[in-house]
């Protein structure tokens, strides 16, 4: 289930408050400023810092 585009426009990283980028597969929200990636589960973004994936780890997992 894809995230609503209007919701994406108002979401911000809970760490730095910058806008988020939607991943190509639309399953993650990426914050390049904080270097964190947030999961989207059933169309709902999981915006918990404790559950965020470090950007470098996420990028490695996407290549394999």
PDB file of N, CA and C in Angstrom:
ATOM      1  N   UNK A   1       0.856  -1.181   0.000  1.00  0.00           N
ATOM      2  CA  UNK A   1       0.000   0.000   0.000  1.00  0.00           C
ATOM      3  C   UNK A   1       0.901   1.242   0.000  1.00  0.00           C
ATOM      4  N   UNK A   2       0.709   2.108  -0.955  1.00  0.00           N
ATOM      5  CA  UNK A   2       1.534   3.311  -1.096  1.00  0.00           C
ATOM      6  C   UNK A   2       1.108   4.380  -0.090  1.00  0.00           C
ATOM      7  N   UNK A   3       2.062   5.203   0.262  1.00  0.00           N
ATOM      8  CA  UNK A   3       1.792   6.309   1.176  1.00  0.00           C
ATOM      9  C   UNK A   3       1.090   7.432   0.403  1.00  0.00           C
ATOM     10  N   UNK A   4       0.169   8.087   1.038  1.00  0.00           N
ATOM     11  CA  UNK A   4      -0.557   9.192   0.435  1.00  0.00           C
ATOM     12  C   UNK A   4       0.404  10.352   0.145  1.00  0.00           C
ATOM     13  N   UNK A   5       0.351  10.888  -1.061  1.00  0.00           N
ATOM     14  CA  UNK A   5       1.274  11.957  -1.472  1.00  0.00           C
ATOM     15  C   UNK A   5       1.088  13.214  -0.628  1.00  0.00           C
ATOM     16  N   UNK A   6      -0.138  13.506  -0.214  1.00  0.00           N
ATOM     17  CA  UNK A   6      -0.378  14.673   0.643  1.00  0.00           C
ATOM     18  C   UNK A   6       0.272  14.490   2.011  1.00  0.00           C
ATOM     19  N   UNK A   7       0.230  13.276   2.535  1.00  0.00           N
ATOM     20  CA  UNK A   7       0.885  12.985   3.814  1.00  0.00           C
ATOM     21  C   UNK A   7       2.396  13.154   3.677  1.00  0.00           C
ATOM     22  N   UNK A   8       2.946  12.673   2.580  1.00  0.00           N
ATOM     23  CA  UNK A   8       4.385  12.791   2.343  1.00  0.00           C
ATOM     24  C   UNK A   8       4.821  14.257   2.349  1.00  0.00           C
ATOM     25  N   UNK A   9       4.003  15.129   1.808  1.00  0.00           N
ATOM     26  CA  UNK A   9       4.345  16.551   1.746  1.00  0.00           C
ATOM     27  C   UNK A   9       4.454  17.207   3.120  1.00  0.00           C
ATOM     28  N   UNK A  10       3.728  16.700   4.102  1.00  0.00           N
ATOM     29  CA  UNK A  10       3.752  17.334   5.429  1.00  0.00           C
ATOM     30  C   UNK A  10       4.659  16.621   6.433  1.00  0.00           C
ATOM     31  N   UNK A  11       5.110  15.416   6.090  1.00  0.00           N
ATOM     32  CA  UNK A  11       5.985  14.691   7.009  1.00  0.00           C
ATOM     33  C   UNK A  11       7.378  15.305   7.041  1.00  0.00           C
ATOM     34  N   UNK A  12       7.993  15.241   8.207  1.00  0.00           N
ATOM     35  CA  UNK A  12       9.360  15.725   8.385  1.00  0.00           C
ATOM     36  C   UNK A  12      10.098  14.760   9.298  1.00  0.00           C
ATOM     37  N   UNK A  13      11.402  14.727   9.152  1.00  0.00           N
ATOM     38  CA  UNK A  13      12.235  13.880   9.997  1.00  0.00           C
ATOM     39  C   UNK A  13      12.077  14.322  11.458  1.00  0.00           C
ATOM     40  N   UNK A  14      11.839  13.376  12.362  1.00  0.00           N
ATOM     41  CA  UNK A  14      11.695  13.745  13.772  1.00  0.00           C
ATOM     42  C   UNK A  14      13.001  14.239  14.406  1.00  0.00           C
ATOM     43  N   UNK A  15      14.130  13.980  13.766  1.00  0.00           N
ATOM     44  CA  UNK A  15      15.421  14.402  14.302  1.00  0.00           C
ATOM     45  C   UNK A  15      15.763  15.826  13.862  1.00  0.00           C
ATOM     46  N   UNK A  16      15.769  16.047  12.546  1.00  0.00           N
ATOM     47  CA  UNK A  16      16.227  17.347  12.028  1.00  0.00           C
ATOM     48  C   UNK A  16      15.102  18.241  11.511  1.00  0.00           C
ATOM     49  N   UNK A  17      13.896  17.689  11.404  1.00  0.00           N
ATOM     50  CA  UNK A  17      12.706  18.424  10.929  1.00  0.00           C
ATOM     51  C   UNK A  17      12.751  18.784   9.448  1.00  0.00           C
ATOM     52  N   UNK A  18      13.627  18.139   8.675  1.00  0.00           N
ATOM     53  CA  UNK A  18      13.725  18.375   7.231  1.00  0.00           C
ATOM     54  C   UNK A  18      12.745  17.450   6.492  1.00  0.00           C
ATOM     55  N   UNK A  19      12.383  17.813   5.253  1.00  0.00           N
ATOM     56  CA  UNK A  19      11.494  16.938   4.459  1.00  0.00           C
ATOM     57  C   UNK A  19      12.125  15.579   4.199  1.00  0.00           C
ATOM     58  N   UNK A  20      11.270  14.600   3.944  1.00  0.00           N
ATOM     59  CA  UNK A  20      11.717  13.234   3.697  1.00  0.00           C
ATOM     60  C   UNK A  20      11.559  12.881   2.224  1.00  0.00           C
ATOM     61  N   UNK A  21      12.367  11.947   1.776  1.00  0.00           N
ATOM     62  CA  UNK A  21      12.358  11.480   0.394  1.00  0.00           C
ATOM     63  C   UNK A  21      11.780  10.063   0.384  1.00  0.00           C
ATOM     64  N   UNK A  22      10.897   9.783  -0.539  1.00  0.00           N
ATOM     65  CA  UNK A  22      10.311   8.459  -0.669  1.00  0.00           C
ATOM     66  C   UNK A  22      11.249   7.570  -1.475  1.00  0.00           C
ATOM     67  N   UNK A  23      11.493   6.352  -0.997  1.00  0.00           N
ATOM     68  CA  UNK A  23      12.357   5.420  -1.729  1.00  0.00           C
ATOM     69  C   UNK A  23      11.678   5.003  -3.037  1.00  0.00           C
ATOM     70  N   UNK A  24      12.463   4.496  -3.962  1.00  0.00           N
ATOM     71  CA  UNK A  24      11.923   4.090  -5.274  1.00  0.00           C
ATOM     72  C   UNK A  24      10.822   3.051  -5.148  1.00  0.00           C
ATOM     73  N   UNK A  25      10.990   2.113  -4.207  1.00  0.00           N
ATOM     74  CA  UNK A  25       9.977   1.071  -4.034  1.00  0.00           C
ATOM     75  C   UNK A  25       8.806   1.530  -3.158  1.00  0.00           C
ATOM     76  N   UNK A  26       8.890   2.759  -2.657  1.00  0.00           N
ATOM     77  CA  UNK A  26       7.849   3.392  -1.824  1.00  0.00           C
ATOM     78  C   UNK A  26       7.604   2.659  -0.507  1.00  0.00           C
ATOM     79  N   UNK A  27       8.626   1.955  -0.004  1.00  0.00           N
ATOM     80  CA  UNK A  27       8.507   1.251   1.273  1.00  0.00           C
ATOM     81  C   UNK A  27       9.273   1.929   2.405  1.00  0.00           C
ATOM     82  N   UNK A  28       9.980   3.020   2.076  1.00  0.00           N
ATOM     83  CA  UNK A  28      10.805   3.693   3.075  1.00  0.00           C
ATOM     84  C   UNK A  28      10.786   5.201   2.854  1.00  0.00           C
ATOM     85  N   UNK A  29      11.006   5.937   3.943  1.00  0.00           N
ATOM     86  CA  UNK A  29      11.207   7.383   3.886  1.00  0.00           C
ATOM     87  C   UNK A  29      12.652   7.649   4.269  1.00  0.00           C
ATOM     88  N   UNK A  30      13.334   8.448   3.483  1.00  0.00           N
ATOM     89  CA  UNK A  30      14.767   8.676   3.664  1.00  0.00           C
ATOM     90  C   UNK A  30      15.014  10.116   4.091  1.00  0.00           C
ATOM     91  N   UNK A  31      15.851  10.271   5.122  1.00  0.00           N
ATOM     92  CA  UNK A  31      16.320  11.597   5.518  1.00  0.00           C
ATOM     93  C   UNK A  31      17.829  11.614   5.316  1.00  0.00           C
ATOM     94  N   UNK A  32      18.247  12.322   4.291  1.00  0.00           N
ATOM     95  CA  UNK A  32      19.682  12.390   3.986  1.00  0.00           C
ATOM     96  C   UNK A  32      20.412  13.274   4.992  1.00  0.00           C
ATOM     97  N   UNK A  33      19.723  14.231   5.569  1.00  0.00           N
ATOM     98  CA  UNK A  33      20.318  15.131   6.563  1.00  0.00           C
ATOM     99  C   UNK A  33      20.710  14.357   7.827  1.00  0.00           C
ATOM    100  N   UNK A  34      19.780  13.583   8.357  1.00  0.00           N
ATOM    101  CA  UNK A  34      20.024  12.807   9.581  1.00  0.00           C
ATOM    102  C   UNK A  34      20.637  11.442   9.296  1.00  0.00           C
ATOM    103  N   UNK A  35      20.666  11.079   8.012  1.00  0.00           N
ATOM    104  CA  UNK A  35      21.191   9.780   7.584  1.00  0.00           C
ATOM    105  C   UNK A  35      20.424   8.622   8.221  1.00  0.00           C
ATOM    106  N   UNK A  36      19.079   8.776   8.195  1.00  0.00           N
ATOM    107  CA  UNK A  36      18.196   7.749   8.738  1.00  0.00           C
ATOM    108  C   UNK A  36      17.134   7.382   7.710  1.00  0.00           C
ATOM    109  N   UNK A  37      16.656   6.134   7.797  1.00  0.00           N
ATOM    110  CA  UNK A  37      15.610   5.641   6.917  1.00  0.00           C
ATOM    111  C   UNK A  37      14.490   5.084   7.793  1.00  0.00           C
ATOM    112  N   UNK A  38      13.264   5.491   7.491  1.00  0.00           N
ATOM    113  CA  UNK A  38      12.094   5.065   8.258  1.00  0.00           C
ATOM    114  C   UNK A  38      11.242   4.137   7.401  1.00  0.00           C
ATOM    115  N   UNK A  39      10.778   3.033   7.986  1.00  0.00           N
ATOM    116  CA  UNK A  39       9.946   2.064   7.283  1.00  0.00           C
ATOM    117  C   UNK A  39       8.538   2.616   7.083  1.00  0.00           C
ATOM    118  N   UNK A  40       7.892   2.121   6.034  1.00  0.00           N
ATOM    119  CA  UNK A  40       6.465   2.360   5.832  1.00  0.00           C
ATOM    120  C   UNK A  40       5.809   0.996   5.887  1.00  0.00           C
ATOM    121  N   UNK A  41       4.921   0.805   6.849  1.00  0.00           N
ATOM    122  CA  UNK A  41       4.248  -0.481   7.022  1.00  0.00           C
ATOM    123  C   UNK A  41       2.757  -0.305   6.799  1.00  0.00           C
ATOM    124  N   UNK A  42       2.207  -1.009   5.822  1.00  0.00           N
ATOM    125  CA  UNK A  42       0.788  -0.915   5.469  1.00  0.00           C
ATOM    126  C   UNK A  42       0.363   0.524   5.206  1.00  0.00           C
ATOM    127  N   UNK A  43       1.227   1.280   4.539  1.00  0.00           N
ATOM    128  CA  UNK A  43       0.917   2.656   4.191  1.00  0.00           C
ATOM    129  C   UNK A  43       1.101   3.657   5.313  1.00  0.00           C
ATOM    130  N   UNK A  44       1.604   3.192   6.455  1.00  0.00           N
ATOM    131  CA  UNK A  44       1.784   4.058   7.621  1.00  0.00           C
ATOM    132  C   UNK A  44       3.274   4.200   7.922  1.00  0.00           C
ATOM    133  N   UNK A  45       3.795   5.424   7.908  1.00  0.00           N
ATOM    134  CA  UNK A  45       5.216   5.614   8.221  1.00  0.00           C
ATOM    135  C   UNK A  45       5.496   5.368   9.703  1.00  0.00           C
ATOM    136  N   UNK A  46       6.542   4.618   9.971  1.00  0.00           N
ATOM    137  CA  UNK A  46       6.980   4.361  11.344  1.00  0.00           C
ATOM    138  C   UNK A  46       8.076   5.383  11.640  1.00  0.00           C
ATOM    139  N   UNK A  47       7.682   6.493  12.257  1.00  0.00           N
ATOM    140  CA  UNK A  47       8.579   7.631  12.446  1.00  0.00           C
ATOM    141  C   UNK A  47       9.247   7.625  13.819  1.00  0.00           C
ATOM    142  N   UNK A  48       9.600   6.452  14.294  1.00  0.00           N
ATOM    143  CA  UNK A  48      10.273   6.320  15.576  1.00  0.00           C
ATOM    144  C   UNK A  48      11.776   6.252  15.351  1.00  0.00           C
ATOM    145  N   UNK A  49      12.508   7.134  15.975  1.00  0.00           N
ATOM    146  CA  UNK A  49      13.963   7.177  15.797  1.00  0.00           C
ATOM    147  C   UNK A  49      14.596   5.855  16.209  1.00  0.00           C
ATOM    148  N   UNK A  50      14.073   5.241  17.267  1.00  0.00           N
ATOM    149  CA  UNK A  50      14.621   3.968  17.737  1.00  0.00           C
ATOM    150  C   UNK A  50      14.472   2.843  16.718  1.00  0.00           C
ATOM    151  N   UNK A  51      13.516   2.972  15.802  1.00  0.00           N
ATOM    152  CA  UNK A  51      13.292   1.936  14.795  1.00  0.00           C
ATOM    153  C   UNK A  51      13.835   2.323  13.426  1.00  0.00           C
ATOM    154  N   UNK A  52      14.438   3.485  13.315  1.00  0.00           N
ATOM    155  CA  UNK A  52      15.011   3.935  12.051  1.00  0.00           C
ATOM    156  C   UNK A  52      16.248   3.121  11.712  1.00  0.00           C
ATOM    157  N   UNK A  53      16.517   3.004  10.424  1.00  0.00           N
ATOM    158  CA  UNK A  53      17.673   2.269   9.925  1.00  0.00           C
ATOM    159  C   UNK A  53      18.733   3.292   9.510  1.00  0.00           C
ATOM    160  N   UNK A  54      19.982   3.106   9.930  1.00  0.00           N
ATOM    161  CA  UNK A  54      21.033   4.008   9.448  1.00  0.00           C
ATOM    162  C   UNK A  54      21.095   3.962   7.917  1.00  0.00           C
ATOM    163  N   UNK A  55      21.219   5.113   7.290  1.00  0.00           N
ATOM    164  CA  UNK A  55      21.194   5.219   5.837  1.00  0.00           C
ATOM    165  C   UNK A  55      22.234   4.330   5.167  1.00  0.00           C
ATOM    166  N   UNK A  56      23.446   4.283   5.692  1.00  0.00           N
ATOM    167  CA  UNK A  56      24.488   3.470   5.052  1.00  0.00           C
ATOM    168  C   UNK A  56      24.146   1.982   5.073  1.00  0.00           C
ATOM    169  N   UNK A  57      23.567   1.508   6.180  1.00  0.00           N
ATOM    170  CA  UNK A  57      23.150   0.101   6.267  1.00  0.00           C
ATOM    171  C   UNK A  57      22.026  -0.190   5.283  1.00  0.00           C
ATOM    172  N   UNK A  58      21.066   0.717   5.189  1.00  0.00           N
ATOM    173  CA  UNK A  58      19.936   0.540   4.290  1.00  0.00           C
ATOM    174  C   UNK A  58      20.408   0.495   2.839  1.00  0.00           C
ATOM    175  N   UNK A  59      21.322   1.407   2.476  1.00  0.00           N
ATOM    176  CA  UNK A  59      21.834   1.433   1.099  1.00  0.00           C
ATOM    177  C   UNK A  59      22.539   0.126   0.759  1.00  0.00           C
ATOM    178  N   UNK A  60      23.311  -0.423   1.698  1.00  0.00           N
ATOM    179  CA  UNK A  60      23.988  -1.703   1.467  1.00  0.00           C
ATOM    180  C   UNK A  60      22.961  -2.823   1.238  1.00  0.00           C
ATOM    181  N   UNK A  61      21.882  -2.827   2.022  1.00  0.00           N
ATOM    182  CA  UNK A  61      20.873  -3.868   1.900  1.00  0.00           C
ATOM    183  C   UNK A  61      20.107  -3.756   0.578  1.00  0.00           C
ATOM    184  N   UNK A  62      20.016  -2.566   0.011  1.00  0.00           N
ATOM    185  CA  UNK A  62      19.304  -2.354  -1.245  1.00  0.00           C
ATOM    186  C   UNK A  62      20.116  -2.819  -2.444  1.00  0.00           C
ATOM    187  N   UNK A  63      21.422  -2.851  -2.303  1.00  0.00           N
ATOM    188  CA  UNK A  63      22.298  -3.268  -3.404  1.00  0.00           C
ATOM    189  C   UNK A  63      22.323  -4.791  -3.575  1.00  0.00           C
ATOM    190  N   UNK A  64      22.122  -5.503  -2.464  1.00  0.00           N
ATOM    191  CA  UNK A  64      22.236  -6.960  -2.511  1.00  0.00           C
ATOM    192  C   UNK A  64      21.006  -7.633  -2.806  1.00  0.00           C
TER     193      UNK A  64
END
